[in-house]
Amino acid sequence: MNPLVAGLTRLGVPLAGSAVLGVRGRTSGEVRTTPVNPLTYEGRRYLVAARGHTQWVRNLRVAGEAELHVGRRTETVRAVELADADKVPVLRAYLRAWAWEVGAFFSGVGADASDAELAAIADRHPVFAITPR
Protein backbone atom coordinates (compact mmCIF):
# COMPACT_ATOMS: atom_id res chain seq x y z
CA MET A 1 0.00 0.00 0.00
CA ASN A 2 2.90 2.39 0.73
CA PRO A 3 3.96 2.69 -2.94
CA LEU A 4 0.37 3.49 -3.97
CA VAL A 5 -0.07 6.13 -1.27
CA ALA A 6 3.34 7.64 -2.00
CA GLY A 7 2.66 7.70 -5.75
CA LEU A 8 -0.70 9.41 -5.39
CA THR A 9 0.73 11.92 -2.92
CA ARG A 10 3.62 12.75 -5.25
CA LEU A 11 1.06 13.43 -7.97
CA GLY A 12 -0.72 15.88 -5.67
CA VAL A 13 -3.57 13.54 -4.68
CA PRO A 14 -2.86 12.84 -1.01
CA LEU A 15 -4.86 10.11 0.68
CA ALA A 16 -6.69 11.87 3.55
CA GLY A 17 -3.87 14.35 4.08
CA SER A 18 -0.88 12.07 3.62
CA ALA A 19 2.51 13.41 2.58
CA VAL A 20 5.81 11.95 1.43
CA LEU A 21 8.57 12.43 3.97
CA GLY A 22 12.08 12.89 2.61
CA VAL A 23 14.87 12.59 5.16
CA ARG A 24 18.62 12.32 4.67
CA GLY A 25 20.01 8.88 5.51
CA ARG A 26 22.22 8.87 8.57
CA THR A 27 24.81 6.62 6.92
CA SER A 28 24.43 7.06 3.17
CA GLY A 29 23.58 10.75 3.14
CA GLU A 30 21.01 10.01 0.43
CA VAL A 31 17.45 11.28 0.82
CA ARG A 32 15.08 8.43 1.68
CA THR A 33 11.32 8.80 1.22
CA THR A 34 8.28 7.21 2.81
CA PRO A 35 4.60 8.14 3.05
CA VAL A 36 3.51 9.63 6.39
CA ASN A 37 0.32 10.95 7.93
CA PRO A 38 1.04 14.39 9.41
CA LEU A 39 -1.27 15.31 12.27
CA THR A 40 -2.36 18.78 13.32
CA TYR A 41 -3.36 18.80 16.98
CA GLU A 42 -4.04 21.87 19.09
CA GLY A 43 -2.37 24.15 16.56
CA ARG A 44 0.85 22.14 16.29
CA ARG A 45 1.91 19.56 13.72
CA TYR A 46 3.29 16.11 14.42
CA LEU A 47 4.67 13.03 12.75
CA VAL A 48 3.82 9.78 14.50
CA ALA A 49 5.71 6.58 13.73
CA ALA A 50 2.87 4.08 13.67
CA ARG A 51 5.24 1.25 12.80
CA GLY A 52 7.67 2.10 15.58
CA HIS A 53 11.39 2.77 15.47
CA THR A 54 11.74 2.51 11.70
CA GLN A 55 14.60 3.70 9.50
CA TRP A 56 12.91 7.06 8.81
CA VAL A 57 12.67 7.63 12.57
CA ARG A 58 16.35 6.83 13.09
CA ASN A 59 17.29 9.09 10.18
CA LEU A 60 15.12 11.96 11.41
CA ARG A 61 16.63 11.74 14.90
CA VAL A 62 20.06 12.32 13.38
CA ALA A 63 19.10 14.84 10.68
CA GLY A 64 16.72 16.93 12.80
CA GLU A 65 14.97 18.13 9.66
CA ALA A 66 13.19 16.73 6.65
CA GLU A 67 11.02 17.63 3.69
CA LEU A 68 7.30 16.98 3.33
CA HIS A 69 6.09 16.62 -0.25
CA VAL A 70 2.54 16.84 -1.55
CA GLY A 71 2.45 17.08 -5.30
CA ARG A 72 4.74 19.92 -6.37
CA ARG A 73 4.66 21.52 -2.94
CA THR A 74 7.68 20.88 -0.72
CA GLU A 75 8.05 22.10 2.84
CA THR A 76 11.24 21.83 4.86
CA VAL A 77 10.53 21.16 8.53
CA ARG A 78 12.50 20.86 11.74
CA ALA A 79 11.63 17.93 13.95
CA VAL A 80 11.89 17.58 17.72
CA GLU A 81 11.08 14.23 19.32
CA LEU A 82 8.60 14.23 22.18
CA ALA A 83 9.27 12.51 25.49
CA ASP A 84 7.08 9.47 26.17
CA ALA A 85 5.22 11.35 28.91
CA ASP A 86 4.12 14.01 26.38
CA LYS A 87 2.85 11.61 23.71
CA VAL A 88 -0.49 10.44 25.14
CA PRO A 89 -2.77 13.23 23.83
CA VAL A 90 -1.00 13.22 20.45
CA LEU A 91 -1.29 9.43 20.12
CA ARG A 92 -5.00 9.64 20.98
CA ALA A 93 -5.58 12.34 18.33
CA TYR A 94 -3.52 10.38 15.80
CA LEU A 95 -5.56 7.24 16.39
CA ARG A 96 -8.79 9.22 16.03
CA ALA A 97 -7.62 10.51 12.67
CA TRP A 98 -5.72 7.54 11.26
CA ALA A 99 -6.75 4.30 13.05
CA TRP A 100 -8.58 3.15 9.92
CA GLU A 101 -5.18 2.98 8.21
CA VAL A 102 -2.64 2.26 10.97
CA GLY A 103 -4.61 0.93 13.92
CA ALA A 104 -3.19 -2.58 13.50
CA PHE A 105 0.24 -1.30 14.56
CA PHE A 106 -0.94 -0.12 17.99
CA SER A 107 -1.31 -3.50 19.74
CA GLY A 108 -5.09 -3.25 20.04
CA VAL A 109 -4.94 0.16 21.73
CA GLY A 110 -7.36 2.65 20.22
CA ALA A 111 -8.32 6.29 20.57
CA ASP A 112 -10.78 5.45 23.36
CA ALA A 113 -8.12 3.72 25.48
CA SER A 114 -7.24 5.07 28.89
CA ASP A 115 -4.28 7.39 29.36
CA ALA A 116 -2.48 4.52 31.12
CA GLU A 117 -2.98 2.21 28.13
CA LEU A 118 -1.67 4.84 25.72
CA ALA A 119 1.26 5.61 28.01
CA ALA A 120 2.12 1.90 28.08
CA ILE A 121 2.68 1.85 24.29
CA ALA A 122 4.17 5.35 23.97
CA ASP A 123 7.75 4.09 23.97
CA ARG A 124 6.99 1.98 20.85
CA HIS A 125 5.74 4.92 18.76
CA PRO A 126 8.11 7.87 18.32
CA VAL A 127 6.39 11.25 17.90
CA PHE A 128 8.02 14.35 16.44
CA ALA A 129 6.73 17.92 16.67
CA ILE A 130 7.42 19.58 13.33
CA THR A 131 7.75 23.26 12.52
CA PRO A 132 8.64 25.08 9.29
CA ARG A 133 12.35 25.67 8.90
C-alpha atoms as a PDB file:
ATOM      1  CA  MET A   1       0.000   0.000   0.000  1.00  0.00           C
ATOM      2  CA  ASN A   2       2.905   2.393   0.729  1.00  0.00           C
ATOM      3  CA  PRO A   3       3.958   2.685  -2.943  1.00  0.00           C
ATOM      4  CA  LEU A   4       0.373   3.487  -3.969  1.00  0.00           C
ATOM      5  CA  VAL A   5      -0.075   6.133  -1.266  1.00  0.00           C
ATOM      6  CA  ALA A   6       3.339   7.643  -2.003  1.00  0.00           C
ATOM      7  CA  GLY A   7       2.663   7.703  -5.752  1.00  0.00           C
ATOM      8  CA  LEU A   8      -0.700   9.407  -5.389  1.00  0.00           C
ATOM      9  CA  THR A   9       0.734  11.924  -2.916  1.00  0.00           C
ATOM     10  CA  ARG A  10       3.623  12.746  -5.252  1.00  0.00           C
ATOM     11  CA  LEU A  11       1.057  13.427  -7.968  1.00  0.00           C
ATOM     12  CA  GLY A  12      -0.720  15.875  -5.669  1.00  0.00           C
ATOM     13  CA  VAL A  13      -3.566  13.536  -4.684  1.00  0.00           C
ATOM     14  CA  PRO A  14      -2.858  12.836  -1.005  1.00  0.00           C
ATOM     15  CA  LEU A  15      -4.863  10.107   0.684  1.00  0.00           C
ATOM     16  CA  ALA A  16      -6.695  11.868   3.549  1.00  0.00           C
ATOM     17  CA  GLY A  17      -3.868  14.351   4.081  1.00  0.00           C
ATOM     18  CA  SER A  18      -0.883  12.065   3.621  1.00  0.00           C
ATOM     19  CA  ALA A  19       2.511  13.410   2.578  1.00  0.00           C
ATOM     20  CA  VAL A  20       5.814  11.949   1.433  1.00  0.00           C
ATOM     21  CA  LEU A  21       8.571  12.434   3.972  1.00  0.00           C
ATOM     22  CA  GLY A  22      12.078  12.885   2.610  1.00  0.00           C
ATOM     23  CA  VAL A  23      14.871  12.594   5.158  1.00  0.00           C
ATOM     24  CA  ARG A  24      18.624  12.316   4.675  1.00  0.00           C
ATOM     25  CA  GLY A  25      20.008   8.875   5.508  1.00  0.00           C
ATOM     26  CA  ARG A  26      22.221   8.872   8.572  1.00  0.00           C
ATOM     27  CA  THR A  27      24.813   6.622   6.924  1.00  0.00           C
ATOM     28  CA  SER A  28      24.426   7.056   3.169  1.00  0.00           C
ATOM     29  CA  GLY A  29      23.581  10.753   3.137  1.00  0.00           C
ATOM     30  CA  GLU A  30      21.008  10.014   0.430  1.00  0.00           C
ATOM     31  CA  VAL A  31      17.450  11.275   0.824  1.00  0.00           C
ATOM     32  CA  ARG A  32      15.083   8.431   1.675  1.00  0.00           C
ATOM     33  CA  THR A  33      11.323   8.800   1.223  1.00  0.00           C
ATOM     34  CA  THR A  34       8.280   7.209   2.810  1.00  0.00           C
ATOM     35  CA  PRO A  35       4.596   8.137   3.047  1.00  0.00           C
ATOM     36  CA  VAL A  36       3.514   9.631   6.386  1.00  0.00           C
ATOM     37  CA  ASN A  37       0.320  10.955   7.926  1.00  0.00           C
ATOM     38  CA  PRO A  38       1.040  14.392   9.412  1.00  0.00           C
ATOM     39  CA  LEU A  39      -1.272  15.315  12.266  1.00  0.00           C
ATOM     40  CA  THR A  40      -2.359  18.778  13.319  1.00  0.00           C
ATOM     41  CA  TYR A  41      -3.355  18.799  16.979  1.00  0.00           C
ATOM     42  CA  GLU A  42      -4.040  21.875  19.090  1.00  0.00           C
ATOM     43  CA  GLY A  43      -2.372  24.153  16.560  1.00  0.00           C
ATOM     44  CA  ARG A  44       0.847  22.135  16.286  1.00  0.00           C
ATOM     45  CA  ARG A  45       1.911  19.558  13.721  1.00  0.00           C
ATOM     46  CA  TYR A  46       3.289  16.109  14.424  1.00  0.00           C
ATOM     47  CA  LEU A  47       4.668  13.032  12.746  1.00  0.00           C
ATOM     48  CA  VAL A  48       3.822   9.775  14.505  1.00  0.00           C
ATOM     49  CA  ALA A  49       5.713   6.578  13.727  1.00  0.00           C
ATOM     50  CA  ALA A  50       2.865   4.077  13.666  1.00  0.00           C
ATOM     51  CA  ARG A  51       5.240   1.251  12.799  1.00  0.00           C
ATOM     52  CA  GLY A  52       7.670   2.100  15.582  1.00  0.00           C
ATOM     53  CA  HIS A  53      11.393   2.770  15.472  1.00  0.00           C
ATOM     54  CA  THR A  54      11.744   2.514  11.695  1.00  0.00           C
ATOM     55  CA  GLN A  55      14.598   3.703   9.504  1.00  0.00           C
ATOM     56  CA  TRP A  56      12.910   7.059   8.810  1.00  0.00           C
ATOM     57  CA  VAL A  57      12.672   7.626  12.569  1.00  0.00           C
ATOM     58  CA  ARG A  58      16.346   6.833  13.086  1.00  0.00           C
ATOM     59  CA  ASN A  59      17.295   9.085  10.182  1.00  0.00           C
ATOM     60  CA  LEU A  60      15.125  11.955  11.414  1.00  0.00           C
ATOM     61  CA  ARG A  61      16.627  11.743  14.895  1.00  0.00           C
ATOM     62  CA  VAL A  62      20.060  12.317  13.377  1.00  0.00           C
ATOM     63  CA  ALA A  63      19.104  14.838  10.678  1.00  0.00           C
ATOM     64  CA  GLY A  64      16.725  16.930  12.798  1.00  0.00           C
ATOM     65  CA  GLU A  65      14.971  18.134   9.661  1.00  0.00           C
ATOM     66  CA  ALA A  66      13.187  16.725   6.647  1.00  0.00           C
ATOM     67  CA  GLU A  67      11.015  17.629   3.689  1.00  0.00           C
ATOM     68  CA  LEU A  68       7.304  16.983   3.335  1.00  0.00           C
ATOM     69  CA  HIS A  69       6.095  16.620  -0.246  1.00  0.00           C
ATOM     70  CA  VAL A  70       2.537  16.836  -1.547  1.00  0.00           C
ATOM     71  CA  GLY A  71       2.451  17.078  -5.302  1.00  0.00           C
ATOM     72  CA  ARG A  72       4.742  19.919  -6.375  1.00  0.00           C
ATOM     73  CA  ARG A  73       4.663  21.521  -2.937  1.00  0.00           C
ATOM     74  CA  THR A  74       7.680  20.876  -0.722  1.00  0.00           C
ATOM     75  CA  GLU A  75       8.048  22.104   2.839  1.00  0.00           C
ATOM     76  CA  THR A  76      11.243  21.828   4.858  1.00  0.00           C
ATOM     77  CA  VAL A  77      10.529  21.160   8.533  1.00  0.00           C
ATOM     78  CA  ARG A  78      12.501  20.863  11.741  1.00  0.00           C
ATOM     79  CA  ALA A  79      11.630  17.927  13.949  1.00  0.00           C
ATOM     80  CA  VAL A  80      11.891  17.576  17.720  1.00  0.00           C
ATOM     81  CA  GLU A  81      11.081  14.226  19.316  1.00  0.00           C
ATOM     82  CA  LEU A  82       8.600  14.234  22.182  1.00  0.00           C
ATOM     83  CA  ALA A  83       9.269  12.509  25.489  1.00  0.00           C
ATOM     84  CA  ASP A  84       7.078   9.468  26.171  1.00  0.00           C
ATOM     85  CA  ALA A  85       5.217  11.354  28.913  1.00  0.00           C
ATOM     86  CA  ASP A  86       4.123  14.008  26.384  1.00  0.00           C
ATOM     87  CA  LYS A  87       2.850  11.612  23.706  1.00  0.00           C
ATOM     88  CA  VAL A  88      -0.492  10.440  25.142  1.00  0.00           C
ATOM     89  CA  PRO A  89      -2.768  13.226  23.832  1.00  0.00           C
ATOM     90  CA  VAL A  90      -1.000  13.219  20.449  1.00  0.00           C
ATOM     91  CA  LEU A  91      -1.287   9.434  20.123  1.00  0.00           C
ATOM     92  CA  ARG A  92      -4.995   9.644  20.982  1.00  0.00           C
ATOM     93  CA  ALA A  93      -5.581  12.339  18.334  1.00  0.00           C
ATOM     94  CA  TYR A  94      -3.525  10.384  15.799  1.00  0.00           C
ATOM     95  CA  LEU A  95      -5.561   7.245  16.389  1.00  0.00           C
ATOM     96  CA  ARG A  96      -8.795   9.218  16.032  1.00  0.00           C
ATOM     97  CA  ALA A  97      -7.624  10.514  12.670  1.00  0.00           C
ATOM     98  CA  TRP A  98      -5.723   7.540  11.259  1.00  0.00           C
ATOM     99  CA  ALA A  99      -6.748   4.305  13.050  1.00  0.00           C
ATOM    100  CA  TRP A 100      -8.582   3.145   9.923  1.00  0.00           C
ATOM    101  CA  GLU A 101      -5.177   2.981   8.214  1.00  0.00           C
ATOM    102  CA  VAL A 102      -2.638   2.265  10.967  1.00  0.00           C
ATOM    103  CA  GLY A 103      -4.615   0.931  13.925  1.00  0.00           C
ATOM    104  CA  ALA A 104      -3.194  -2.577  13.495  1.00  0.00           C
ATOM    105  CA  PHE A 105       0.244  -1.298  14.556  1.00  0.00           C
ATOM    106  CA  PHE A 106      -0.942  -0.124  17.990  1.00  0.00           C
ATOM    107  CA  SER A 107      -1.312  -3.500  19.737  1.00  0.00           C
ATOM    108  CA  GLY A 108      -5.085  -3.253  20.043  1.00  0.00           C
ATOM    109  CA  VAL A 109      -4.940   0.159  21.735  1.00  0.00           C
ATOM    110  CA  GLY A 110      -7.361   2.651  20.216  1.00  0.00           C
ATOM    111  CA  ALA A 111      -8.320   6.294  20.570  1.00  0.00           C
ATOM    112  CA  ASP A 112     -10.777   5.447  23.358  1.00  0.00           C
ATOM    113  CA  ALA A 113      -8.117   3.718  25.477  1.00  0.00           C
ATOM    114  CA  SER A 114      -7.239   5.071  28.894  1.00  0.00           C
ATOM    115  CA  ASP A 115      -4.283   7.394  29.358  1.00  0.00           C
ATOM    116  CA  ALA A 116      -2.484   4.525  31.121  1.00  0.00           C
ATOM    117  CA  GLU A 117      -2.978   2.211  28.132  1.00  0.00           C
ATOM    118  CA  LEU A 118      -1.675   4.838  25.715  1.00  0.00           C
ATOM    119  CA  ALA A 119       1.260   5.615  28.014  1.00  0.00           C
ATOM    120  CA  ALA A 120       2.121   1.898  28.077  1.00  0.00           C
ATOM    121  CA  ILE A 121       2.680   1.849  24.293  1.00  0.00           C
ATOM    122  CA  ALA A 122       4.166   5.351  23.969  1.00  0.00           C
ATOM    123  CA  ASP A 123       7.752   4.091  23.965  1.00  0.00           C
ATOM    124  CA  ARG A 124       6.992   1.981  20.854  1.00  0.00           C
ATOM    125  CA  HIS A 125       5.745   4.921  18.763  1.00  0.00           C
ATOM    126  CA  PRO A 126       8.106   7.872  18.322  1.00  0.00           C
ATOM    127  CA  VAL A 127       6.386  11.249  17.899  1.00  0.00           C
ATOM    128  CA  PHE A 128       8.016  14.353  16.436  1.00  0.00           C
ATOM    129  CA  ALA A 129       6.728  17.918  16.673  1.00  0.00           C
ATOM    130  CA  ILE A 130       7.420  19.578  13.325  1.00  0.00           C
ATOM    131  CA  THR A 131       7.754  23.256  12.519  1.00  0.00           C
ATOM    132  CA  PRO A 132       8.643  25.076   9.293  1.00  0.00           C
ATOM    133  CA  ARG A 133      12.352  25.669   8.904  1.00  0.00           C
END
